[in-house]
């Protein structure tokens, strides 16, 4: 799988962490979008239709957390892979969907790269064919 053409949204309120991750992902070939809080992320998700993955912190300003964003994505944007990071939460204390990856801060960029590649590839494999059901017949688009 090539990273070229894949879009990743980074949702992180700490500018240095966000910029460091964004630079590394861009160097790896990803198209990167950035948000400093959940409301900015939701606005971006509403406008950009080809986001492959979201990397989000949990604790952010603005009243909504990264966990709120994860729930929204799990409900409305199932095709997106999600990686959650946190410096203050333990993964076993969180109620995350089964396919969401969690990394404690500080994390290694190589771990994020590997998680992105594997989770995006898994979502692509599970992606259902587009189809239309009419009068009991199923028409699918390859």
N, C-alpha and C. Protein backbone atom coordinates (compact mmCIF):
# COMPACT_ATOMS: atom_id res chain seq x y z
N UNK A 1 0.84 -1.18 0.00
CA UNK A 1 0.00 0.00 0.00
C UNK A 1 0.89 1.24 0.00
N UNK A 2 0.62 2.16 -0.88
CA UNK A 2 1.38 3.40 -0.95
C UNK A 2 0.66 4.49 -0.18
N UNK A 3 1.43 5.31 0.53
CA UNK A 3 0.85 6.40 1.30
C UNK A 3 0.43 7.56 0.40
N UNK A 4 0.99 7.61 -0.81
CA UNK A 4 0.66 8.70 -1.73
C UNK A 4 -0.84 8.70 -2.00
N UNK A 5 -1.44 9.85 -1.84
CA UNK A 5 -2.86 9.99 -2.10
C UNK A 5 -3.74 9.71 -0.90
N UNK A 6 -3.18 9.22 0.21
CA UNK A 6 -3.97 8.98 1.41
C UNK A 6 -3.94 10.22 2.29
N UNK A 7 -5.09 10.57 2.82
CA UNK A 7 -5.22 11.77 3.64
C UNK A 7 -5.41 11.39 5.10
N UNK A 8 -4.63 12.03 5.96
CA UNK A 8 -4.72 11.81 7.40
C UNK A 8 -5.05 13.14 8.08
N UNK A 9 -6.02 13.11 8.97
CA UNK A 9 -6.38 14.27 9.78
C UNK A 9 -5.76 14.10 11.16
N UNK A 10 -4.96 15.08 11.57
CA UNK A 10 -4.37 15.08 12.91
C UNK A 10 -5.17 16.05 13.76
N UNK A 11 -5.65 15.56 14.91
CA UNK A 11 -6.42 16.38 15.84
C UNK A 11 -5.64 16.42 17.15
N UNK A 12 -4.95 17.52 17.36
CA UNK A 12 -4.03 17.64 18.50
C UNK A 12 -3.93 19.10 18.89
N UNK A 13 -4.16 19.41 20.18
CA UNK A 13 -4.12 20.80 20.61
C UNK A 13 -2.72 21.30 20.92
N UNK A 14 -1.76 20.41 21.09
CA UNK A 14 -0.37 20.82 21.33
C UNK A 14 0.31 21.07 19.99
N UNK A 15 0.61 22.34 19.67
CA UNK A 15 1.15 22.67 18.35
C UNK A 15 2.44 21.92 17.98
N UNK A 16 3.34 21.75 18.92
CA UNK A 16 4.61 21.09 18.59
C UNK A 16 4.38 19.63 18.23
N UNK A 17 3.53 18.96 18.97
CA UNK A 17 3.22 17.55 18.67
C UNK A 17 2.53 17.45 17.32
N UNK A 18 1.54 18.33 17.09
CA UNK A 18 0.78 18.32 15.83
C UNK A 18 1.69 18.58 14.64
N UNK A 19 2.54 19.59 14.74
CA UNK A 19 3.42 19.93 13.62
C UNK A 19 4.48 18.87 13.37
N UNK A 20 5.01 18.29 14.43
CA UNK A 20 6.01 17.22 14.28
C UNK A 20 5.40 16.02 13.57
N UNK A 21 4.23 15.60 14.00
CA UNK A 21 3.56 14.47 13.37
C UNK A 21 3.17 14.80 11.93
N UNK A 22 2.67 16.01 11.70
CA UNK A 22 2.28 16.42 10.35
C UNK A 22 3.48 16.40 9.40
N UNK A 23 4.61 16.95 9.84
CA UNK A 23 5.81 16.95 9.00
C UNK A 23 6.27 15.53 8.67
N UNK A 24 6.27 14.66 9.67
CA UNK A 24 6.71 13.29 9.45
C UNK A 24 5.78 12.55 8.49
N UNK A 25 4.48 12.74 8.64
CA UNK A 25 3.52 12.08 7.74
C UNK A 25 3.62 12.61 6.32
N UNK A 26 3.81 13.92 6.18
CA UNK A 26 3.97 14.48 4.84
C UNK A 26 5.24 13.95 4.17
N UNK A 27 6.32 13.83 4.93
CA UNK A 27 7.56 13.26 4.38
C UNK A 27 7.36 11.81 3.95
N UNK A 28 6.45 11.11 4.61
CA UNK A 28 6.16 9.72 4.26
C UNK A 28 5.21 9.61 3.07
N UNK A 29 4.68 10.74 2.60
CA UNK A 29 3.84 10.73 1.42
C UNK A 29 2.36 10.96 1.65
N UNK A 30 1.95 11.11 2.90
CA UNK A 30 0.54 11.35 3.20
C UNK A 30 0.18 12.81 2.92
N UNK A 31 -1.07 13.05 2.60
CA UNK A 31 -1.62 14.39 2.61
C UNK A 31 -2.14 14.60 4.02
N UNK A 32 -1.78 15.70 4.65
CA UNK A 32 -2.11 15.91 6.06
C UNK A 32 -3.01 17.12 6.23
N UNK A 33 -4.06 16.93 7.02
CA UNK A 33 -4.94 18.01 7.45
C UNK A 33 -4.77 18.13 8.96
N UNK A 34 -4.94 19.34 9.49
CA UNK A 34 -4.70 19.56 10.92
C UNK A 34 -5.87 20.28 11.57
N UNK A 35 -6.18 19.86 12.81
CA UNK A 35 -7.18 20.54 13.63
C UNK A 35 -6.65 20.60 15.05
N UNK A 36 -6.95 21.70 15.75
CA UNK A 36 -6.47 21.85 17.12
C UNK A 36 -7.54 21.51 18.16
N UNK A 37 -8.75 21.17 17.68
CA UNK A 37 -9.80 20.73 18.59
C UNK A 37 -10.84 19.92 17.81
N UNK A 38 -11.78 19.35 18.52
CA UNK A 38 -12.76 18.46 17.90
C UNK A 38 -13.70 19.21 16.96
N UNK A 39 -14.11 20.42 17.31
CA UNK A 39 -15.00 21.17 16.43
C UNK A 39 -14.35 21.46 15.08
N UNK A 40 -13.06 21.83 15.09
CA UNK A 40 -12.35 22.02 13.83
C UNK A 40 -12.28 20.71 13.05
N UNK A 41 -12.06 19.61 13.74
CA UNK A 41 -11.99 18.31 13.08
C UNK A 41 -13.31 17.94 12.42
N UNK A 42 -14.41 18.16 13.13
CA UNK A 42 -15.74 17.84 12.57
C UNK A 42 -16.01 18.70 11.34
N UNK A 43 -15.61 19.96 11.37
CA UNK A 43 -15.79 20.83 10.20
C UNK A 43 -14.99 20.30 9.01
N UNK A 44 -13.76 19.86 9.26
CA UNK A 44 -12.93 19.31 8.18
C UNK A 44 -13.54 18.02 7.63
N UNK A 45 -13.97 17.14 8.52
CA UNK A 45 -14.57 15.87 8.10
C UNK A 45 -15.83 16.13 7.28
N UNK A 46 -16.56 17.17 7.62
CA UNK A 46 -17.76 17.52 6.87
C UNK A 46 -17.47 18.04 5.47
N UNK A 47 -16.29 18.59 5.25
CA UNK A 47 -15.93 19.17 3.96
C UNK A 47 -15.08 18.25 3.09
N UNK A 48 -14.25 17.43 3.70
CA UNK A 48 -13.30 16.60 2.95
C UNK A 48 -13.79 15.16 2.97
N UNK A 49 -14.04 14.62 1.79
CA UNK A 49 -14.67 13.29 1.72
C UNK A 49 -13.69 12.13 1.64
N UNK A 50 -12.41 12.40 1.44
CA UNK A 50 -11.47 11.30 1.22
C UNK A 50 -10.45 11.14 2.34
N UNK A 51 -10.85 11.38 3.58
CA UNK A 51 -9.94 11.19 4.71
C UNK A 51 -9.85 9.70 5.00
N UNK A 52 -8.63 9.17 4.98
CA UNK A 52 -8.41 7.75 5.24
C UNK A 52 -8.28 7.43 6.71
N UNK A 53 -7.71 8.36 7.48
CA UNK A 53 -7.46 8.09 8.89
C UNK A 53 -7.44 9.37 9.70
N UNK A 54 -7.71 9.21 11.00
CA UNK A 54 -7.65 10.30 11.95
C UNK A 54 -6.74 9.88 13.10
N UNK A 55 -5.83 10.77 13.46
CA UNK A 55 -4.99 10.58 14.64
C UNK A 55 -5.42 11.66 15.61
N UNK A 56 -5.99 11.26 16.76
CA UNK A 56 -6.51 12.25 17.70
C UNK A 56 -6.01 12.05 19.11
N UNK A 57 -5.77 13.15 19.77
CA UNK A 57 -5.49 13.15 21.20
C UNK A 57 -6.85 13.03 21.91
N UNK A 58 -6.84 12.71 23.19
CA UNK A 58 -8.09 12.62 23.94
C UNK A 58 -8.48 13.95 24.54
N UNK A 59 -7.62 14.53 25.35
CA UNK A 59 -7.95 15.76 26.08
C UNK A 59 -7.63 16.99 25.23
N UNK A 60 -8.71 17.75 24.94
CA UNK A 60 -8.56 18.95 24.13
C UNK A 60 -9.51 20.03 24.62
N UNK A 61 -9.23 21.27 24.29
CA UNK A 61 -10.12 22.36 24.69
C UNK A 61 -11.40 22.35 23.85
N UNK A 62 -12.41 23.04 24.36
CA UNK A 62 -13.61 23.25 23.57
C UNK A 62 -14.81 22.43 24.00
N UNK A 63 -14.71 21.66 25.05
CA UNK A 63 -15.88 20.93 25.54
C UNK A 63 -16.06 19.54 24.97
N UNK A 64 -15.43 19.23 23.84
CA UNK A 64 -15.51 17.90 23.26
C UNK A 64 -14.13 17.25 23.29
N UNK A 65 -14.11 15.97 23.59
CA UNK A 65 -12.83 15.27 23.67
C UNK A 65 -12.59 14.43 22.42
N UNK A 66 -11.39 13.91 22.34
CA UNK A 66 -11.08 12.98 21.26
C UNK A 66 -11.96 11.74 21.31
N UNK A 67 -12.41 11.35 22.49
CA UNK A 67 -13.32 10.20 22.60
C UNK A 67 -14.67 10.51 21.96
N UNK A 68 -15.13 11.77 22.09
CA UNK A 68 -16.37 12.18 21.41
C UNK A 68 -16.18 12.07 19.90
N UNK A 69 -15.01 12.48 19.42
CA UNK A 69 -14.72 12.39 17.99
C UNK A 69 -14.68 10.93 17.54
N UNK A 70 -14.08 10.06 18.34
CA UNK A 70 -14.01 8.63 18.00
C UNK A 70 -15.42 8.06 17.88
N UNK A 71 -16.32 8.40 18.81
CA UNK A 71 -17.70 7.90 18.75
C UNK A 71 -18.41 8.38 17.48
N UNK A 72 -18.19 9.65 17.12
CA UNK A 72 -18.81 10.20 15.92
C UNK A 72 -18.30 9.48 14.68
N UNK A 73 -17.01 9.27 14.60
CA UNK A 73 -16.42 8.59 13.44
C UNK A 73 -16.92 7.15 13.38
N UNK A 74 -16.98 6.48 14.51
CA UNK A 74 -17.43 5.09 14.55
C UNK A 74 -18.88 4.97 14.08
N UNK A 75 -19.68 5.99 14.35
CA UNK A 75 -21.09 5.97 13.97
C UNK A 75 -21.32 6.43 12.53
N UNK A 76 -20.60 7.47 12.10
CA UNK A 76 -20.91 8.13 10.83
C UNK A 76 -19.87 7.96 9.73
N UNK A 77 -18.66 7.60 10.06
CA UNK A 77 -17.57 7.56 9.09
C UNK A 77 -16.80 6.25 9.24
N UNK A 78 -17.47 5.14 9.16
CA UNK A 78 -16.86 3.83 9.43
C UNK A 78 -15.65 3.52 8.56
N UNK A 79 -15.53 4.16 7.40
CA UNK A 79 -14.41 3.89 6.50
C UNK A 79 -13.11 4.49 6.98
N UNK A 80 -13.15 5.38 7.97
CA UNK A 80 -11.95 6.03 8.48
C UNK A 80 -11.29 5.18 9.55
N UNK A 81 -9.98 5.05 9.46
CA UNK A 81 -9.21 4.42 10.52
C UNK A 81 -8.96 5.47 11.60
N UNK A 82 -8.86 5.02 12.85
CA UNK A 82 -8.67 5.95 13.95
C UNK A 82 -7.55 5.47 14.86
N UNK A 83 -6.67 6.41 15.19
CA UNK A 83 -5.62 6.19 16.17
C UNK A 83 -5.81 7.23 17.26
N UNK A 84 -5.82 6.78 18.51
CA UNK A 84 -6.01 7.65 19.66
C UNK A 84 -4.70 7.72 20.44
N UNK A 85 -4.33 8.93 20.86
CA UNK A 85 -3.12 9.11 21.67
C UNK A 85 -3.49 9.84 22.95
N UNK A 86 -2.70 9.60 23.99
CA UNK A 86 -2.95 10.32 25.23
C UNK A 86 -1.72 10.26 26.13
N UNK A 87 -1.50 11.33 26.84
CA UNK A 87 -0.45 11.36 27.83
C UNK A 87 -0.98 11.11 29.23
N UNK A 88 -2.30 11.05 29.39
CA UNK A 88 -2.85 10.92 30.73
C UNK A 88 -3.89 9.83 30.91
N UNK A 89 -4.18 9.07 29.87
CA UNK A 89 -5.19 8.02 29.97
C UNK A 89 -4.56 6.66 29.68
N UNK A 90 -5.06 5.65 30.35
CA UNK A 90 -4.61 4.28 30.10
C UNK A 90 -5.60 3.61 29.17
N UNK A 91 -5.12 2.83 28.21
CA UNK A 91 -6.02 2.22 27.22
C UNK A 91 -7.06 1.29 27.83
N UNK A 92 -6.73 0.59 28.92
CA UNK A 92 -7.68 -0.34 29.50
C UNK A 92 -8.82 0.37 30.23
N UNK A 93 -8.67 1.67 30.49
CA UNK A 93 -9.72 2.45 31.15
C UNK A 93 -10.65 3.11 30.14
N UNK A 94 -10.38 2.93 28.86
CA UNK A 94 -11.17 3.58 27.81
C UNK A 94 -12.07 2.57 27.12
N UNK A 95 -13.21 3.03 26.69
CA UNK A 95 -14.14 2.18 25.94
C UNK A 95 -14.01 2.53 24.46
N UNK A 96 -12.99 1.98 23.82
CA UNK A 96 -12.73 2.28 22.41
C UNK A 96 -13.27 1.17 21.53
N UNK A 97 -13.73 1.50 20.32
CA UNK A 97 -14.12 0.45 19.37
C UNK A 97 -12.94 -0.49 19.12
N UNK A 98 -13.24 -1.73 18.77
CA UNK A 98 -12.22 -2.77 18.64
C UNK A 98 -11.12 -2.43 17.64
N UNK A 99 -11.44 -1.72 16.57
CA UNK A 99 -10.44 -1.45 15.53
C UNK A 99 -9.68 -0.14 15.73
N UNK A 100 -9.89 0.54 16.85
CA UNK A 100 -9.17 1.77 17.15
C UNK A 100 -7.88 1.42 17.88
N UNK A 101 -6.77 1.97 17.39
CA UNK A 101 -5.46 1.76 18.02
C UNK A 101 -5.19 2.87 19.01
N UNK A 102 -4.53 2.55 20.11
CA UNK A 102 -4.20 3.52 21.16
C UNK A 102 -2.69 3.55 21.39
N UNK A 103 -2.14 4.77 21.53
CA UNK A 103 -0.73 4.95 21.85
C UNK A 103 -0.59 5.97 22.97
N UNK A 104 0.19 5.59 24.00
CA UNK A 104 0.50 6.52 25.08
C UNK A 104 1.58 7.48 24.61
N UNK A 105 1.47 8.72 25.06
CA UNK A 105 2.52 9.70 24.78
C UNK A 105 3.60 9.55 25.83
N UNK A 106 4.85 9.71 25.48
CA UNK A 106 5.33 9.94 24.11
C UNK A 106 5.33 8.64 23.33
N UNK A 107 4.97 8.73 22.07
CA UNK A 107 4.95 7.57 21.20
C UNK A 107 6.06 7.71 20.16
N UNK A 108 6.37 6.60 19.51
CA UNK A 108 7.37 6.60 18.44
C UNK A 108 6.65 6.79 17.11
N UNK A 109 7.17 7.65 16.26
CA UNK A 109 6.55 7.90 14.96
C UNK A 109 6.43 6.62 14.14
N UNK A 110 7.41 5.74 14.24
CA UNK A 110 7.34 4.47 13.50
C UNK A 110 6.12 3.66 13.90
N UNK A 111 5.75 3.70 15.18
CA UNK A 111 4.55 2.98 15.64
C UNK A 111 3.29 3.58 15.01
N UNK A 112 3.24 4.89 14.91
CA UNK A 112 2.09 5.55 14.28
C UNK A 112 2.03 5.18 12.80
N UNK A 113 3.18 5.21 12.11
CA UNK A 113 3.22 4.84 10.69
C UNK A 113 2.71 3.43 10.48
N UNK A 114 3.20 2.49 11.28
CA UNK A 114 2.79 1.09 11.13
C UNK A 114 1.30 0.94 11.41
N UNK A 115 0.81 1.60 12.45
CA UNK A 115 -0.62 1.51 12.78
C UNK A 115 -1.48 2.11 11.67
N UNK A 116 -1.03 3.22 11.09
CA UNK A 116 -1.79 3.81 9.98
C UNK A 116 -1.85 2.86 8.79
N UNK A 117 -0.69 2.33 8.41
CA UNK A 117 -0.67 1.43 7.25
C UNK A 117 -1.57 0.21 7.48
N UNK A 118 -1.44 -0.42 8.62
CA UNK A 118 -2.20 -1.64 8.87
C UNK A 118 -3.69 -1.37 9.04
N UNK A 119 -4.05 -0.30 9.73
CA UNK A 119 -5.48 -0.04 9.93
C UNK A 119 -6.16 0.43 8.66
N UNK A 120 -5.48 1.23 7.84
CA UNK A 120 -6.06 1.66 6.57
C UNK A 120 -6.21 0.45 5.65
N UNK A 121 -5.20 -0.41 5.60
CA UNK A 121 -5.28 -1.62 4.76
C UNK A 121 -6.43 -2.51 5.21
N UNK A 122 -6.63 -2.65 6.52
CA UNK A 122 -7.72 -3.48 7.02
C UNK A 122 -9.08 -2.89 6.65
N UNK A 123 -9.21 -1.57 6.71
CA UNK A 123 -10.48 -0.93 6.34
C UNK A 123 -10.76 -1.11 4.85
N UNK A 124 -9.72 -1.01 4.03
CA UNK A 124 -9.88 -1.18 2.58
C UNK A 124 -10.35 -2.60 2.27
N UNK A 125 -9.78 -3.61 2.95
CA UNK A 125 -10.18 -5.00 2.73
C UNK A 125 -11.63 -5.24 3.10
N UNK A 126 -12.10 -4.58 4.17
CA UNK A 126 -13.47 -4.79 4.64
C UNK A 126 -14.48 -3.92 3.92
N UNK A 127 -14.02 -3.00 3.10
CA UNK A 127 -14.92 -2.05 2.44
C UNK A 127 -15.93 -2.81 1.58
N UNK A 128 -17.22 -2.63 1.85
CA UNK A 128 -18.22 -3.35 1.06
C UNK A 128 -18.32 -2.77 -0.35
N UNK A 129 -18.70 -3.62 -1.27
CA UNK A 129 -18.95 -3.14 -2.62
C UNK A 129 -20.20 -2.28 -2.62
N UNK A 130 -20.16 -1.25 -3.44
CA UNK A 130 -21.35 -0.41 -3.57
C UNK A 130 -22.40 -1.19 -4.32
N UNK A 131 -23.60 -1.13 -3.86
CA UNK A 131 -24.63 -1.90 -4.53
C UNK A 131 -26.00 -1.26 -4.37
N UNK A 132 -26.92 -1.70 -5.19
CA UNK A 132 -28.28 -1.22 -5.15
C UNK A 132 -29.20 -2.44 -5.10
N UNK A 133 -30.12 -2.44 -4.16
CA UNK A 133 -31.08 -3.54 -4.07
C UNK A 133 -32.41 -3.02 -4.64
N UNK A 134 -32.94 -3.76 -5.59
CA UNK A 134 -34.19 -3.36 -6.21
C UNK A 134 -34.99 -4.60 -6.52
N UNK A 135 -36.20 -4.66 -6.03
CA UNK A 135 -37.12 -5.78 -6.28
C UNK A 135 -36.45 -7.13 -5.98
N UNK A 136 -35.69 -7.17 -4.88
CA UNK A 136 -35.09 -8.43 -4.48
C UNK A 136 -33.81 -8.79 -5.21
N UNK A 137 -33.36 -7.96 -6.16
CA UNK A 137 -32.12 -8.22 -6.88
C UNK A 137 -31.02 -7.32 -6.35
N UNK A 138 -29.83 -7.82 -6.34
CA UNK A 138 -28.68 -7.04 -5.87
C UNK A 138 -27.79 -6.71 -7.05
N UNK A 139 -27.57 -5.42 -7.28
CA UNK A 139 -26.65 -4.96 -8.32
C UNK A 139 -25.46 -4.37 -7.63
N UNK A 140 -24.27 -4.84 -7.98
CA UNK A 140 -23.07 -4.32 -7.32
C UNK A 140 -22.14 -3.69 -8.33
N UNK A 141 -21.39 -2.75 -7.80
CA UNK A 141 -20.36 -2.09 -8.60
C UNK A 141 -19.04 -2.70 -8.17
N UNK A 142 -18.23 -3.21 -9.08
CA UNK A 142 -16.98 -3.88 -8.70
C UNK A 142 -16.00 -2.95 -8.01
